[in-house]
ModelCIF file with pLDDT and N, C-alpha, C, O atoms, coordinates in Angstrom:
data_MODEL
#
_entry.id   MODEL 
#
_entity.id                         1 
_entity.type                       polymer 
_entity.pdbx_number_of_molecules   1 
#
_entity_poly.entity_id                      1 
_entity_poly.type                           'polypeptide(L)' 
_entity_poly.nstd_linkage                   no 
_entity_poly.nstd_monomer                   no 
_entity_poly.pdbx_seq_one_letter_code       AEYDLHCLSSEQHALILTLRRRYEEYLVETIEQLTGKPTSATRRA 
_entity_poly.pdbx_seq_one_letter_code_can   AEYDLHCLSSEQHALILTLRRRYEEYLVETIEQLTGKPTSATRRA 
_entity_poly.pdbx_strand_id                 A 
#
loop_
_entity_poly_seq.entity_id 
_entity_poly_seq.num 
_entity_poly_seq.mon_id 
_entity_poly_seq.hetero 
1 1  ALA n 
1 2  GLU n 
1 3  TYR n 
1 4  ASP n 
1 5  LEU n 
1 6  HIS n 
1 7  CYS n 
1 8  LEU n 
1 9  SER n 
1 10 SER n 
1 11 GLU n 
1 12 GLN n 
1 13 HIS n 
1 14 ALA n 
1 15 LEU n 
1 16 ILE n 
1 17 LEU n 
1 18 THR n 
1 19 LEU n 
1 20 ARG n 
1 21 ARG n 
1 22 ARG n 
1 23 TYR n 
1 24 GLU n 
1 25 GLU n 
1 26 TYR n 
1 27 LEU n 
1 28 VAL n 
1 29 GLU n 
1 30 THR n 
1 31 ILE n 
1 32 GLU n 
1 33 GLN n 
1 34 LEU n 
1 35 THR n 
1 36 GLY n 
1 37 LYS n 
1 38 PRO n 
1 39 THR n 
1 40 SER n 
1 41 ALA n 
1 42 THR n 
1 43 ARG n 
1 44 ARG n 
1 45 ALA n 
#
_struct_asym.id          A 
_struct_asym.entity_id   1 
#
loop_
_ma_qa_metric.id 
_ma_qa_metric.mode 
_ma_qa_metric.name 
_ma_qa_metric.software_group_id 
_ma_qa_metric.type 
1 global pLDDT . pLDDT 
2 local  pLDDT . pLDDT 
#
_ma_qa_metric_global.metric_id      1 
_ma_qa_metric_global.metric_value   93.49 
_ma_qa_metric_global.model_id       1 
_ma_qa_metric_global.ordinal_id     1 
#
loop_
_ma_qa_metric_local.label_asym_id 
_ma_qa_metric_local.label_comp_id 
_ma_qa_metric_local.label_seq_id 
_ma_qa_metric_local.metric_id 
_ma_qa_metric_local.metric_value 
_ma_qa_metric_local.model_id 
_ma_qa_metric_local.ordinal_id 
A ALA 1  2 95.00 1 1  
A GLU 2  2 93.00 1 2  
A TYR 3  2 93.00 1 3  
A ASP 4  2 95.00 1 4  
A LEU 5  2 95.00 1 5  
A HIS 6  2 94.00 1 6  
A CYS 7  2 95.00 1 7  
A LEU 8  2 95.00 1 8  
A SER 9  2 95.00 1 9  
A SER 10 2 96.00 1 10 
A GLU 11 2 97.00 1 11 
A GLN 12 2 96.00 1 12 
A HIS 13 2 97.00 1 13 
A ALA 14 2 97.00 1 14 
A LEU 15 2 98.00 1 15 
A ILE 16 2 98.00 1 16 
A LEU 17 2 97.00 1 17 
A THR 18 2 98.00 1 18 
A LEU 19 2 98.00 1 19 
A ARG 20 2 97.00 1 20 
A ARG 21 2 96.00 1 21 
A ARG 22 2 97.00 1 22 
A TYR 23 2 97.00 1 23 
A GLU 24 2 96.00 1 24 
A GLU 25 2 96.00 1 25 
A TYR 26 2 96.00 1 26 
A LEU 27 2 95.00 1 27 
A VAL 28 2 95.00 1 28 
A GLU 29 2 95.00 1 29 
A THR 30 2 95.00 1 30 
A ILE 31 2 93.00 1 31 
A GLU 32 2 92.00 1 32 
A GLN 33 2 92.00 1 33 
A LEU 34 2 89.00 1 34 
A THR 35 2 87.00 1 35 
A GLY 36 2 88.00 1 36 
A LYS 37 2 85.00 1 37 
A PRO 38 2 87.00 1 38 
A THR 39 2 84.00 1 39 
A SER 40 2 87.00 1 40 
A ALA 41 2 89.00 1 41 
A THR 42 2 88.00 1 42 
A ARG 43 2 87.00 1 43 
A ARG 44 2 90.00 1 44 
A ALA 45 2 92.00 1 45 
#
loop_
_atom_site.group_PDB 
_atom_site.id 
_atom_site.type_symbol 
_atom_site.label_atom_id 
_atom_site.label_alt_id 
_atom_site.label_comp_id 
_atom_site.label_asym_id 
_atom_site.label_entity_id 
_atom_site.label_seq_id 
_atom_site.pdbx_PDB_ins_code 
_atom_site.Cartn_x 
_atom_site.Cartn_y 
_atom_site.Cartn_z 
_atom_site.occupancy 
_atom_site.B_iso_or_equiv 
_atom_site.pdbx_formal_charge 
_atom_site.auth_seq_id 
_atom_site.auth_comp_id 
_atom_site.auth_asym_id 
_atom_site.auth_atom_id 
_atom_site.pdbx_PDB_model_num 
ATOM 1   N N  . ALA A 1 1  ? -39.716 36.581 -58.098 1.00 95.00 ? 1  ALA A N  1 
ATOM 2   C CA . ALA A 1 1  ? -39.697 37.931 -58.778 1.00 95.00 ? 1  ALA A CA 1 
ATOM 3   C C  . ALA A 1 1  ? -40.325 38.758 -57.712 1.00 95.00 ? 1  ALA A C  1 
ATOM 4   O O  . ALA A 1 1  ? -39.696 39.674 -57.183 1.00 95.00 ? 1  ALA A O  1 
ATOM 5   N N  . GLU A 1 2  ? -41.702 38.423 -57.341 1.00 93.00 ? 2  GLU A N  1 
ATOM 6   C CA . GLU A 1 2  ? -42.469 39.165 -56.497 1.00 93.00 ? 2  GLU A CA 1 
ATOM 7   C C  . GLU A 1 2  ? -42.305 39.301 -55.059 1.00 93.00 ? 2  GLU A C  1 
ATOM 8   O O  . GLU A 1 2  ? -42.468 40.362 -54.456 1.00 93.00 ? 2  GLU A O  1 
ATOM 9   N N  . TYR A 1 3  ? -41.930 38.030 -54.452 1.00 93.00 ? 3  TYR A N  1 
ATOM 10  C CA . TYR A 1 3  ? -41.896 37.778 -53.049 1.00 93.00 ? 3  TYR A CA 1 
ATOM 11  C C  . TYR A 1 3  ? -40.329 37.842 -52.581 1.00 93.00 ? 3  TYR A C  1 
ATOM 12  O O  . TYR A 1 3  ? -40.146 38.356 -51.477 1.00 93.00 ? 3  TYR A O  1 
ATOM 13  N N  . ASP A 1 4  ? -39.341 37.445 -53.191 1.00 95.00 ? 4  ASP A N  1 
ATOM 14  C CA . ASP A 1 4  ? -38.288 37.236 -52.399 1.00 95.00 ? 4  ASP A CA 1 
ATOM 15  C C  . ASP A 1 4  ? -37.175 38.033 -53.316 1.00 95.00 ? 4  ASP A C  1 
ATOM 16  O O  . ASP A 1 4  ? -35.991 37.799 -53.072 1.00 95.00 ? 4  ASP A O  1 
ATOM 17  N N  . LEU A 1 5  ? -37.441 38.776 -54.149 1.00 95.00 ? 5  LEU A N  1 
ATOM 18  C CA . LEU A 1 5  ? -36.489 39.970 -54.670 1.00 95.00 ? 5  LEU A CA 1 
ATOM 19  C C  . LEU A 1 5  ? -35.841 40.656 -53.365 1.00 95.00 ? 5  LEU A C  1 
ATOM 20  O O  . LEU A 1 5  ? -34.633 40.882 -53.439 1.00 95.00 ? 5  LEU A O  1 
ATOM 21  N N  . HIS A 1 6  ? -36.364 40.935 -52.432 1.00 94.00 ? 6  HIS A N  1 
ATOM 22  C CA . HIS A 1 6  ? -35.735 41.629 -51.147 1.00 94.00 ? 6  HIS A CA 1 
ATOM 23  C C  . HIS A 1 6  ? -34.717 40.817 -50.627 1.00 94.00 ? 6  HIS A C  1 
ATOM 24  O O  . HIS A 1 6  ? -33.977 41.281 -49.760 1.00 94.00 ? 6  HIS A O  1 
ATOM 25  N N  . CYS A 1 7  ? -34.562 39.559 -51.072 1.00 95.00 ? 7  CYS A N  1 
ATOM 26  C CA . CYS A 1 7  ? -33.427 38.707 -50.476 1.00 95.00 ? 7  CYS A CA 1 
ATOM 27  C C  . CYS A 1 7  ? -32.268 38.966 -51.252 1.00 95.00 ? 7  CYS A C  1 
ATOM 28  O O  . CYS A 1 7  ? -31.227 38.529 -50.762 1.00 95.00 ? 7  CYS A O  1 
ATOM 29  N N  . LEU A 1 8  ? -32.180 39.550 -52.311 1.00 95.00 ? 8  LEU A N  1 
ATOM 30  C CA . LEU A 1 8  ? -30.833 39.875 -53.182 1.00 95.00 ? 8  LEU A CA 1 
ATOM 31  C C  . LEU A 1 8  ? -29.890 40.893 -52.339 1.00 95.00 ? 8  LEU A C  1 
ATOM 32  O O  . LEU A 1 8  ? -30.282 41.557 -51.379 1.00 95.00 ? 8  LEU A O  1 
ATOM 33  N N  . SER A 1 9  ? -28.890 40.893 -52.744 1.00 95.00 ? 9  SER A N  1 
ATOM 34  C CA . SER A 1 9  ? -27.913 42.094 -52.289 1.00 95.00 ? 9  SER A CA 1 
ATOM 35  C C  . SER A 1 9  ? -28.508 43.282 -52.949 1.00 95.00 ? 9  SER A C  1 
ATOM 36  O O  . SER A 1 9  ? -29.519 43.187 -53.644 1.00 95.00 ? 9  SER A O  1 
ATOM 37  N N  . SER A 1 10 ? -27.930 44.326 -52.751 1.00 96.00 ? 10 SER A N  1 
ATOM 38  C CA . SER A 1 10 ? -28.416 45.669 -52.874 1.00 96.00 ? 10 SER A CA 1 
ATOM 39  C C  . SER A 1 10 ? -27.904 45.610 -54.521 1.00 96.00 ? 10 SER A C  1 
ATOM 40  O O  . SER A 1 10 ? -28.759 45.834 -55.378 1.00 96.00 ? 10 SER A O  1 
ATOM 41  N N  . GLU A 1 11 ? -26.703 45.348 -54.879 1.00 97.00 ? 11 GLU A N  1 
ATOM 42  C CA . GLU A 1 11 ? -26.228 45.390 -56.153 1.00 97.00 ? 11 GLU A CA 1 
ATOM 43  C C  . GLU A 1 11 ? -27.144 44.502 -57.021 1.00 97.00 ? 11 GLU A C  1 
ATOM 44  O O  . GLU A 1 11 ? -27.637 44.898 -58.078 1.00 97.00 ? 11 GLU A O  1 
ATOM 45  N N  . GLN A 1 12 ? -27.307 43.462 -56.580 1.00 96.00 ? 12 GLN A N  1 
ATOM 46  C CA . GLN A 1 12 ? -28.223 42.454 -57.425 1.00 96.00 ? 12 GLN A CA 1 
ATOM 47  C C  . GLN A 1 12 ? -29.588 42.959 -57.681 1.00 96.00 ? 12 GLN A C  1 
ATOM 48  O O  . GLN A 1 12 ? -30.167 42.836 -58.761 1.00 96.00 ? 12 GLN A O  1 
ATOM 49  N N  . HIS A 1 13 ? -30.129 43.603 -56.500 1.00 97.00 ? 13 HIS A N  1 
ATOM 50  C CA . HIS A 1 13 ? -31.396 44.208 -56.356 1.00 97.00 ? 13 HIS A CA 1 
ATOM 51  C C  . HIS A 1 13 ? -31.592 45.212 -57.654 1.00 97.00 ? 13 HIS A C  1 
ATOM 52  O O  . HIS A 1 13 ? -32.532 45.181 -58.448 1.00 97.00 ? 13 HIS A O  1 
ATOM 53  N N  . ALA A 1 14 ? -30.493 46.085 -57.663 1.00 97.00 ? 14 ALA A N  1 
ATOM 54  C CA . ALA A 1 14 ? -30.469 47.212 -58.339 1.00 97.00 ? 14 ALA A CA 1 
ATOM 55  C C  . ALA A 1 14 ? -30.221 46.756 -59.871 1.00 97.00 ? 14 ALA A C  1 
ATOM 56  O O  . ALA A 1 14 ? -30.537 47.594 -60.716 1.00 97.00 ? 14 ALA A O  1 
ATOM 57  N N  . LEU A 1 15 ? -29.745 45.646 -60.286 1.00 98.00 ? 15 LEU A N  1 
ATOM 58  C CA . LEU A 1 15 ? -29.748 45.364 -61.648 1.00 98.00 ? 15 LEU A CA 1 
ATOM 59  C C  . LEU A 1 15 ? -30.745 44.580 -61.757 1.00 98.00 ? 15 LEU A C  1 
ATOM 60  O O  . LEU A 1 15 ? -31.037 44.425 -62.943 1.00 98.00 ? 15 LEU A O  1 
ATOM 61  N N  . ILE A 1 16 ? -31.510 43.921 -60.938 1.00 98.00 ? 16 ILE A N  1 
ATOM 62  C CA . ILE A 1 16 ? -33.136 43.545 -61.411 1.00 98.00 ? 16 ILE A CA 1 
ATOM 63  C C  . ILE A 1 16 ? -33.973 44.679 -61.536 1.00 98.00 ? 16 ILE A C  1 
ATOM 64  O O  . ILE A 1 16 ? -34.908 44.524 -62.321 1.00 98.00 ? 16 ILE A O  1 
ATOM 65  N N  . LEU A 1 17 ? -33.890 45.780 -60.972 1.00 97.00 ? 17 LEU A N  1 
ATOM 66  C CA . LEU A 1 17 ? -34.691 46.894 -61.058 1.00 97.00 ? 17 LEU A CA 1 
ATOM 67  C C  . LEU A 1 17 ? -34.278 47.482 -62.405 1.00 97.00 ? 17 LEU A C  1 
ATOM 68  O O  . LEU A 1 17 ? -35.259 47.949 -62.984 1.00 97.00 ? 17 LEU A O  1 
ATOM 69  N N  . THR A 1 18 ? -33.317 47.587 -62.981 1.00 98.00 ? 18 THR A N  1 
ATOM 70  C CA . THR A 1 18 ? -32.780 48.126 -64.306 1.00 98.00 ? 18 THR A CA 1 
ATOM 71  C C  . THR A 1 18 ? -33.584 47.031 -65.442 1.00 98.00 ? 18 THR A C  1 
ATOM 72  O O  . THR A 1 18 ? -34.131 47.592 -66.391 1.00 98.00 ? 18 THR A O  1 
ATOM 73  N N  . LEU A 1 19 ? -33.656 45.808 -65.391 1.00 98.00 ? 19 LEU A N  1 
ATOM 74  C CA . LEU A 1 19 ? -34.041 45.070 -66.327 1.00 98.00 ? 19 LEU A CA 1 
ATOM 75  C C  . LEU A 1 19 ? -35.586 45.554 -66.214 1.00 98.00 ? 19 LEU A C  1 
ATOM 76  O O  . LEU A 1 19 ? -36.123 45.974 -67.239 1.00 98.00 ? 19 LEU A O  1 
ATOM 77  N N  . ARG A 1 20 ? -36.274 45.510 -65.073 1.00 97.00 ? 20 ARG A N  1 
ATOM 78  C CA . ARG A 1 20 ? -37.790 45.643 -64.681 1.00 97.00 ? 20 ARG A CA 1 
ATOM 79  C C  . ARG A 1 20 ? -38.087 46.886 -65.592 1.00 97.00 ? 20 ARG A C  1 
ATOM 80  O O  . ARG A 1 20 ? -38.921 46.929 -66.496 1.00 97.00 ? 20 ARG A O  1 
ATOM 81  N N  . ARG A 1 21 ? -37.267 47.865 -65.191 1.00 96.00 ? 21 ARG A N  1 
ATOM 82  C CA . ARG A 1 21 ? -37.689 49.268 -65.480 1.00 96.00 ? 21 ARG A CA 1 
ATOM 83  C C  . ARG A 1 21 ? -37.534 49.389 -67.214 1.00 96.00 ? 21 ARG A C  1 
ATOM 84  O O  . ARG A 1 21 ? -38.257 50.186 -67.811 1.00 96.00 ? 21 ARG A O  1 
ATOM 85  N N  . ARG A 1 22 ? -36.599 48.591 -67.914 1.00 97.00 ? 22 ARG A N  1 
ATOM 86  C CA . ARG A 1 22 ? -36.446 48.551 -69.169 1.00 97.00 ? 22 ARG A CA 1 
ATOM 87  C C  . ARG A 1 22 ? -37.869 47.892 -69.770 1.00 97.00 ? 22 ARG A C  1 
ATOM 88  O O  . ARG A 1 22 ? -38.492 48.340 -70.732 1.00 97.00 ? 22 ARG A O  1 
ATOM 89  N N  . TYR A 1 23 ? -38.206 46.799 -69.024 1.00 97.00 ? 23 TYR A N  1 
ATOM 90  C CA . TYR A 1 23 ? -39.713 46.049 -69.568 1.00 97.00 ? 23 TYR A CA 1 
ATOM 91  C C  . TYR A 1 23 ? -40.659 47.091 -69.458 1.00 97.00 ? 23 TYR A C  1 
ATOM 92  O O  . TYR A 1 23 ? -41.452 47.203 -70.393 1.00 97.00 ? 23 TYR A O  1 
ATOM 93  N N  . GLU A 1 24 ? -40.751 47.980 -68.384 1.00 96.00 ? 24 GLU A N  1 
ATOM 94  C CA . GLU A 1 24 ? -41.903 48.818 -68.090 1.00 96.00 ? 24 GLU A CA 1 
ATOM 95  C C  . GLU A 1 24 ? -41.924 49.784 -69.095 1.00 96.00 ? 24 GLU A C  1 
ATOM 96  O O  . GLU A 1 24 ? -43.029 50.234 -69.399 1.00 96.00 ? 24 GLU A O  1 
ATOM 97  N N  . GLU A 1 25 ? -40.776 50.263 -69.767 1.00 96.00 ? 25 GLU A N  1 
ATOM 98  C CA . GLU A 1 25 ? -40.917 51.223 -70.644 1.00 96.00 ? 25 GLU A CA 1 
ATOM 99  C C  . GLU A 1 25 ? -41.588 50.746 -71.928 1.00 96.00 ? 25 GLU A C  1 
ATOM 100 O O  . GLU A 1 25 ? -42.020 51.566 -72.738 1.00 96.00 ? 25 GLU A O  1 
ATOM 101 N N  . TYR A 1 26 ? -41.671 49.577 -72.103 1.00 96.00 ? 26 TYR A N  1 
ATOM 102 C CA . TYR A 1 26 ? -42.601 48.954 -73.297 1.00 96.00 ? 26 TYR A CA 1 
ATOM 103 C C  . TYR A 1 26 ? -43.988 49.367 -73.169 1.00 96.00 ? 26 TYR A C  1 
ATOM 104 O O  . TYR A 1 26 ? -44.641 49.886 -74.074 1.00 96.00 ? 26 TYR A O  1 
ATOM 105 N N  . LEU A 1 27 ? -44.363 49.135 -72.113 1.00 95.00 ? 27 LEU A N  1 
ATOM 106 C CA . LEU A 1 27 ? -45.716 49.542 -71.775 1.00 95.00 ? 27 LEU A CA 1 
ATOM 107 C C  . LEU A 1 27 ? -46.053 51.052 -71.750 1.00 95.00 ? 27 LEU A C  1 
ATOM 108 O O  . LEU A 1 27 ? -47.097 51.570 -72.145 1.00 95.00 ? 27 LEU A O  1 
ATOM 109 N N  . VAL A 1 28 ? -44.741 51.789 -71.097 1.00 95.00 ? 28 VAL A N  1 
ATOM 110 C CA . VAL A 1 28 ? -45.327 53.187 -70.926 1.00 95.00 ? 28 VAL A CA 1 
ATOM 111 C C  . VAL A 1 28 ? -45.204 53.795 -72.401 1.00 95.00 ? 28 VAL A C  1 
ATOM 112 O O  . VAL A 1 28 ? -46.024 54.688 -72.616 1.00 95.00 ? 28 VAL A O  1 
ATOM 113 N N  . GLU A 1 29 ? -44.343 53.489 -73.460 1.00 95.00 ? 29 GLU A N  1 
ATOM 114 C CA . GLU A 1 29 ? -44.483 53.760 -74.800 1.00 95.00 ? 29 GLU A CA 1 
ATOM 115 C C  . GLU A 1 29 ? -45.790 53.601 -75.255 1.00 95.00 ? 29 GLU A C  1 
ATOM 116 O O  . GLU A 1 29 ? -46.508 54.498 -75.697 1.00 95.00 ? 29 GLU A O  1 
ATOM 117 N N  . THR A 1 30 ? -46.116 52.230 -75.108 1.00 95.00 ? 30 THR A N  1 
ATOM 118 C CA . THR A 1 30 ? -47.495 52.090 -75.732 1.00 95.00 ? 30 THR A CA 1 
ATOM 119 C C  . THR A 1 30 ? -48.491 52.849 -75.100 1.00 95.00 ? 30 THR A C  1 
ATOM 120 O O  . THR A 1 30 ? -49.331 53.216 -75.921 1.00 95.00 ? 30 THR A O  1 
ATOM 121 N N  . ILE A 1 31 ? -48.702 53.195 -74.047 1.00 93.00 ? 31 ILE A N  1 
ATOM 122 C CA . ILE A 1 31 ? -49.427 53.756 -73.505 1.00 93.00 ? 31 ILE A CA 1 
ATOM 123 C C  . ILE A 1 31 ? -49.751 55.451 -73.897 1.00 93.00 ? 31 ILE A C  1 
ATOM 124 O O  . ILE A 1 31 ? -50.822 56.022 -74.104 1.00 93.00 ? 31 ILE A O  1 
ATOM 125 N N  . GLU A 1 32 ? -48.346 55.955 -73.894 1.00 92.00 ? 32 GLU A N  1 
ATOM 126 C CA . GLU A 1 32 ? -48.248 57.308 -74.429 1.00 92.00 ? 32 GLU A CA 1 
ATOM 127 C C  . GLU A 1 32 ? -48.864 57.212 -75.892 1.00 92.00 ? 32 GLU A C  1 
ATOM 128 O O  . GLU A 1 32 ? -49.779 58.006 -76.107 1.00 92.00 ? 32 GLU A O  1 
ATOM 129 N N  . GLN A 1 33 ? -48.528 56.422 -76.857 1.00 92.00 ? 33 GLN A N  1 
ATOM 130 C CA . GLN A 1 33 ? -48.852 56.456 -78.015 1.00 92.00 ? 33 GLN A CA 1 
ATOM 131 C C  . GLN A 1 33 ? -50.240 56.192 -78.216 1.00 92.00 ? 33 GLN A C  1 
ATOM 132 O O  . GLN A 1 33 ? -50.739 56.550 -79.283 1.00 92.00 ? 33 GLN A O  1 
ATOM 133 N N  . LEU A 1 34 ? -50.954 55.611 -77.341 1.00 89.00 ? 34 LEU A N  1 
ATOM 134 C CA . LEU A 1 34 ? -52.141 55.202 -77.384 1.00 89.00 ? 34 LEU A CA 1 
ATOM 135 C C  . LEU A 1 34 ? -53.193 56.402 -76.858 1.00 89.00 ? 34 LEU A C  1 
ATOM 136 O O  . LEU A 1 34 ? -54.286 56.606 -77.386 1.00 89.00 ? 34 LEU A O  1 
ATOM 137 N N  . THR A 1 35 ? -52.758 57.016 -75.933 1.00 87.00 ? 35 THR A N  1 
ATOM 138 C CA . THR A 1 35 ? -53.430 58.132 -75.207 1.00 87.00 ? 35 THR A CA 1 
ATOM 139 C C  . THR A 1 35 ? -52.935 59.641 -75.797 1.00 87.00 ? 35 THR A C  1 
ATOM 140 O O  . THR A 1 35 ? -53.690 60.612 -75.761 1.00 87.00 ? 35 THR A O  1 
ATOM 141 N N  . GLY A 1 36 ? -51.799 59.691 -76.250 1.00 88.00 ? 36 GLY A N  1 
ATOM 142 C CA . GLY A 1 36 ? -51.258 60.875 -77.107 1.00 88.00 ? 36 GLY A CA 1 
ATOM 143 C C  . GLY A 1 36 ? -50.590 61.815 -76.045 1.00 88.00 ? 36 GLY A C  1 
ATOM 144 O O  . GLY A 1 36 ? -50.150 62.902 -76.421 1.00 88.00 ? 36 GLY A O  1 
ATOM 145 N N  . LYS A 1 37 ? -50.497 61.424 -74.689 1.00 85.00 ? 37 LYS A N  1 
ATOM 146 C CA . LYS A 1 37 ? -50.272 61.968 -73.694 1.00 85.00 ? 37 LYS A CA 1 
ATOM 147 C C  . LYS A 1 37 ? -48.914 61.421 -73.177 1.00 85.00 ? 37 LYS A C  1 
ATOM 148 O O  . LYS A 1 37 ? -48.670 60.216 -73.109 1.00 85.00 ? 37 LYS A O  1 
ATOM 149 N N  . PRO A 1 38 ? -47.876 62.600 -72.747 1.00 87.00 ? 38 PRO A N  1 
ATOM 150 C CA . PRO A 1 38 ? -46.679 62.183 -72.106 1.00 87.00 ? 38 PRO A CA 1 
ATOM 151 C C  . PRO A 1 38 ? -47.109 61.289 -70.605 1.00 87.00 ? 38 PRO A C  1 
ATOM 152 O O  . PRO A 1 38 ? -48.226 61.316 -70.089 1.00 87.00 ? 38 PRO A O  1 
ATOM 153 N N  . THR A 1 39 ? -46.098 60.638 -70.169 1.00 84.00 ? 39 THR A N  1 
ATOM 154 C CA . THR A 1 39 ? -46.323 59.851 -68.909 1.00 84.00 ? 39 THR A CA 1 
ATOM 155 C C  . THR A 1 39 ? -45.761 60.648 -67.846 1.00 84.00 ? 39 THR A C  1 
ATOM 156 O O  . THR A 1 39 ? -44.662 61.176 -68.020 1.00 84.00 ? 39 THR A O  1 
ATOM 157 N N  . SER A 1 40 ? -46.448 60.807 -66.672 1.00 87.00 ? 40 SER A N  1 
ATOM 158 C CA . SER A 1 40 ? -46.113 61.502 -65.821 1.00 87.00 ? 40 SER A CA 1 
ATOM 159 C C  . SER A 1 40 ? -45.364 60.731 -64.743 1.00 87.00 ? 40 SER A C  1 
ATOM 160 O O  . SER A 1 40 ? -45.209 59.540 -65.012 1.00 87.00 ? 40 SER A O  1 
ATOM 161 N N  . ALA A 1 41 ? -44.836 61.170 -63.516 1.00 89.00 ? 41 ALA A N  1 
ATOM 162 C CA . ALA A 1 41 ? -44.021 60.251 -62.474 1.00 89.00 ? 41 ALA A CA 1 
ATOM 163 C C  . ALA A 1 41 ? -45.297 59.277 -61.983 1.00 89.00 ? 41 ALA A C  1 
ATOM 164 O O  . ALA A 1 41 ? -45.231 58.051 -61.900 1.00 89.00 ? 41 ALA A O  1 
ATOM 165 N N  . THR A 1 42 ? -46.407 60.051 -61.694 1.00 88.00 ? 42 THR A N  1 
ATOM 166 C CA . THR A 1 42 ? -47.501 59.160 -60.912 1.00 88.00 ? 42 THR A CA 1 
ATOM 167 C C  . THR A 1 42 ? -47.926 58.156 -61.854 1.00 88.00 ? 42 THR A C  1 
ATOM 168 O O  . THR A 1 42 ? -48.262 57.037 -61.466 1.00 88.00 ? 42 THR A O  1 
ATOM 169 N N  . ARG A 1 43 ? -47.931 58.511 -63.154 1.00 87.00 ? 43 ARG A N  1 
ATOM 170 C CA . ARG A 1 43 ? -48.509 57.578 -64.186 1.00 87.00 ? 43 ARG A CA 1 
ATOM 171 C C  . ARG A 1 43 ? -47.396 56.422 -64.459 1.00 87.00 ? 43 ARG A C  1 
ATOM 172 O O  . ARG A 1 43 ? -47.752 55.270 -64.707 1.00 87.00 ? 43 ARG A O  1 
ATOM 173 N N  . ARG A 1 44 ? -46.203 56.751 -64.407 1.00 90.00 ? 44 ARG A N  1 
ATOM 174 C CA . ARG A 1 44 ? -45.073 55.671 -64.506 1.00 90.00 ? 44 ARG A CA 1 
ATOM 175 C C  . ARG A 1 44 ? -45.324 54.615 -63.307 1.00 90.00 ? 44 ARG A C  1 
ATOM 176 O O  . ARG A 1 44 ? -45.354 53.404 -63.522 1.00 90.00 ? 44 ARG A O  1 
ATOM 177 N N  . ALA A 1 45 ? -45.499 55.178 -62.041 1.00 92.00 ? 45 ALA A N  1 
ATOM 178 C CA . ALA A 1 45 ? -45.824 54.398 -60.718 1.00 92.00 ? 45 ALA A CA 1 
ATOM 179 C C  . ALA A 1 45 ? -46.948 53.640 -60.910 1.00 92.00 ? 45 ALA A C  1 
ATOM 180 O O  . ALA A 1 45 ? -47.386 52.942 -59.995 1.00 92.00 ? 45 ALA A O  1 
#
């Protein structure tokens, strides 16, 4: 997932990134609740 993702087709790559962003959202929501602050684009990155 970390070293060979670039070997996928653009369509496959996009599907994996969608799954990853869904997963990252769990972390984003938890940090927002923990800090009481909305998540900026910089913080999401």
